[in-house]
Amino acid sequence: MCKLLLKVEIDVAAEKSRLQKEIAALQKQISICQNKLNNKNFVDKAPAAVVEQENQRLKNFVENQTKLQQQLNKLN
């Protein structure tokens, strides 16, 4: 068995900036989803499948934001 060690150097400042931009974009998407789901008219009139899809999108956005925030925290 052979082990291979890789030394990867990253530009920490650039990576922090990239992560912050992605987190901000996800926060916008989260707000949009939350606004839709908090809108009684949307929830009442939209088909159940559409409401469920929006709930799933919100869940995915939150999970991704959490992962990116953890990566950002590791860089700090």
C-alpha atoms as a PDB file:
ATOM      1  CA  MET A   1       0.000   0.000   0.000  1.00  0.00           C
ATOM      2  CA  CYS A   2       1.358   3.375  -0.984  1.00  0.00           C
ATOM      3  CA  LYS A   3       0.416   6.629   0.698  1.00  0.00           C
ATOM      4  CA  LEU A   4       0.473   9.875  -1.168  1.00  0.00           C
ATOM      5  CA  LEU A   5       0.598  13.131   0.720  1.00  0.00           C
ATOM      6  CA  LEU A   6      -0.493  16.234  -1.083  1.00  0.00           C
ATOM      7  CA  LYS A   7       0.383  19.691   0.034  1.00  0.00           C
ATOM      8  CA  VAL A   8      -2.263  22.076  -1.162  1.00  0.00           C
ATOM      9  CA  GLU A   9      -1.782  25.766  -0.710  1.00  0.00           C
ATOM     10  CA  ILE A  10      -4.703  28.112  -1.087  1.00  0.00           C
ATOM     11  CA  ASP A  11      -5.046  31.841  -1.038  1.00  0.00           C
ATOM     12  CA  VAL A  12      -6.873  32.125   2.289  1.00  0.00           C
ATOM     13  CA  ALA A  13      -8.135  35.649   1.643  1.00  0.00           C
ATOM     14  CA  ALA A  14      -9.508  34.698  -1.764  1.00  0.00           C
ATOM     15  CA  GLU A  15     -11.136  31.564  -0.371  1.00  0.00           C
ATOM     16  CA  LYS A  16     -12.725  33.544   2.477  1.00  0.00           C
ATOM     17  CA  SER A  17     -14.069  36.044  -0.035  1.00  0.00           C
ATOM     18  CA  ARG A  18     -15.458  33.281  -2.244  1.00  0.00           C
ATOM     19  CA  LEU A  19     -17.150  31.573   0.695  1.00  0.00           C
ATOM     20  CA  GLN A  20     -18.632  34.842   1.942  1.00  0.00           C
ATOM     21  CA  LYS A  21     -20.094  35.558  -1.508  1.00  0.00           C
ATOM     22  CA  GLU A  22     -21.590  32.085  -1.737  1.00  0.00           C
ATOM     23  CA  ILE A  23     -23.040  32.366   1.781  1.00  0.00           C
ATOM     24  CA  ALA A  24     -24.577  35.744   0.915  1.00  0.00           C
ATOM     25  CA  ALA A  25     -26.117  34.331  -2.284  1.00  0.00           C
ATOM     26  CA  LEU A  26     -27.551  31.396  -0.350  1.00  0.00           C
ATOM     27  CA  GLN A  27     -28.958  33.768   2.272  1.00  0.00           C
ATOM     28  CA  LYS A  28     -30.824  35.619  -0.482  1.00  0.00           C
ATOM     29  CA  GLN A  29     -32.265  32.336  -1.755  1.00  0.00           C
ATOM     30  CA  ILE A  30     -33.224  31.323   1.785  1.00  0.00           C
ATOM     31  CA  SER A  31     -35.048  34.640   2.257  1.00  0.00           C
ATOM     32  CA  ILE A  32     -36.926  34.181  -1.022  1.00  0.00           C
ATOM     33  CA  CYS A  33     -38.025  30.666  -0.039  1.00  0.00           C
ATOM     34  CA  GLN A  34     -39.030  31.764   3.445  1.00  0.00           C
ATOM     35  CA  ASN A  35     -41.046  34.663   2.058  1.00  0.00           C
ATOM     36  CA  LYS A  36     -42.907  32.324  -0.297  1.00  0.00           C
ATOM     37  CA  LEU A  37     -43.580  29.792   2.432  1.00  0.00           C
ATOM     38  CA  ASN A  38     -44.700  32.498   4.865  1.00  0.00           C
ATOM     39  CA  ASN A  39     -47.118  33.853   2.249  1.00  0.00           C
ATOM     40  CA  LYS A  40     -50.527  32.371   3.089  1.00  0.00           C
ATOM     41  CA  ASN A  41     -51.776  32.950  -0.457  1.00  0.00           C
ATOM     42  CA  PHE A  42     -48.866  31.002  -1.952  1.00  0.00           C
ATOM     43  CA  VAL A  43     -49.275  28.085   0.449  1.00  0.00           C
ATOM     44  CA  ASP A  44     -53.080  27.984   0.032  1.00  0.00           C
ATOM     45  CA  LYS A  45     -53.172  28.320  -3.762  1.00  0.00           C
ATOM     46  CA  ALA A  46     -50.047  26.482  -4.907  1.00  0.00           C
ATOM     47  CA  PRO A  47     -50.231  22.743  -5.518  1.00  0.00           C
ATOM     48  CA  ALA A  48     -48.925  20.663  -2.614  1.00  0.00           C
ATOM     49  CA  ALA A  49     -46.050  19.435  -4.795  1.00  0.00           C
ATOM     50  CA  VAL A  50     -44.900  23.005  -5.415  1.00  0.00           C
ATOM     51  CA  VAL A  51     -45.028  23.853  -1.704  1.00  0.00           C
ATOM     52  CA  GLU A  52     -43.093  20.670  -0.909  1.00  0.00           C
ATOM     53  CA  GLN A  53     -40.533  21.520  -3.587  1.00  0.00           C
ATOM     54  CA  GLU A  54     -40.062  24.958  -2.040  1.00  0.00           C
ATOM     55  CA  ASN A  55     -39.630  23.377   1.407  1.00  0.00           C
ATOM     56  CA  GLN A  56     -36.989  21.041  -0.030  1.00  0.00           C
ATOM     57  CA  ARG A  57     -35.193  23.937  -1.729  1.00  0.00           C
ATOM     58  CA  LEU A  58     -35.148  25.819   1.578  1.00  0.00           C
ATOM     59  CA  LYS A  59     -33.757  22.786   3.375  1.00  0.00           C
ATOM     60  CA  ASN A  60     -31.014  22.357   0.747  1.00  0.00           C
ATOM     61  CA  PHE A  61     -30.062  26.033   0.846  1.00  0.00           C
ATOM     62  CA  VAL A  62     -29.810  25.971   4.649  1.00  0.00           C
ATOM     63  CA  GLU A  63     -27.695  22.799   4.599  1.00  0.00           C
ATOM     64  CA  ASN A  64     -25.343  24.261   1.996  1.00  0.00           C
ATOM     65  CA  GLN A  65     -25.068  27.530   3.887  1.00  0.00           C
ATOM     66  CA  THR A  66     -24.219  25.641   7.085  1.00  0.00           C
ATOM     67  CA  LYS A  67     -21.479  23.659   5.317  1.00  0.00           C
ATOM     68  CA  LEU A  68     -19.975  26.782   3.773  1.00  0.00           C
ATOM     69  CA  GLN A  69     -20.111  28.617   7.104  1.00  0.00           C
ATOM     70  CA  GLN A  70     -18.231  25.728   8.735  1.00  0.00           C
ATOM     71  CA  GLN A  71     -15.571  25.922   6.020  1.00  0.00           C
ATOM     72  CA  LEU A  72     -15.290  29.668   6.536  1.00  0.00           C
ATOM     73  CA  ASN A  73     -14.968  29.213  10.292  1.00  0.00           C
ATOM     74  CA  LYS A  74     -12.081  26.797   9.759  1.00  0.00           C
ATOM     75  CA  LEU A  75     -10.225  29.473   7.811  1.00  0.00           C
ATOM     76  CA  ASN A  76     -10.598  32.054  10.572  1.00  0.00           C
END
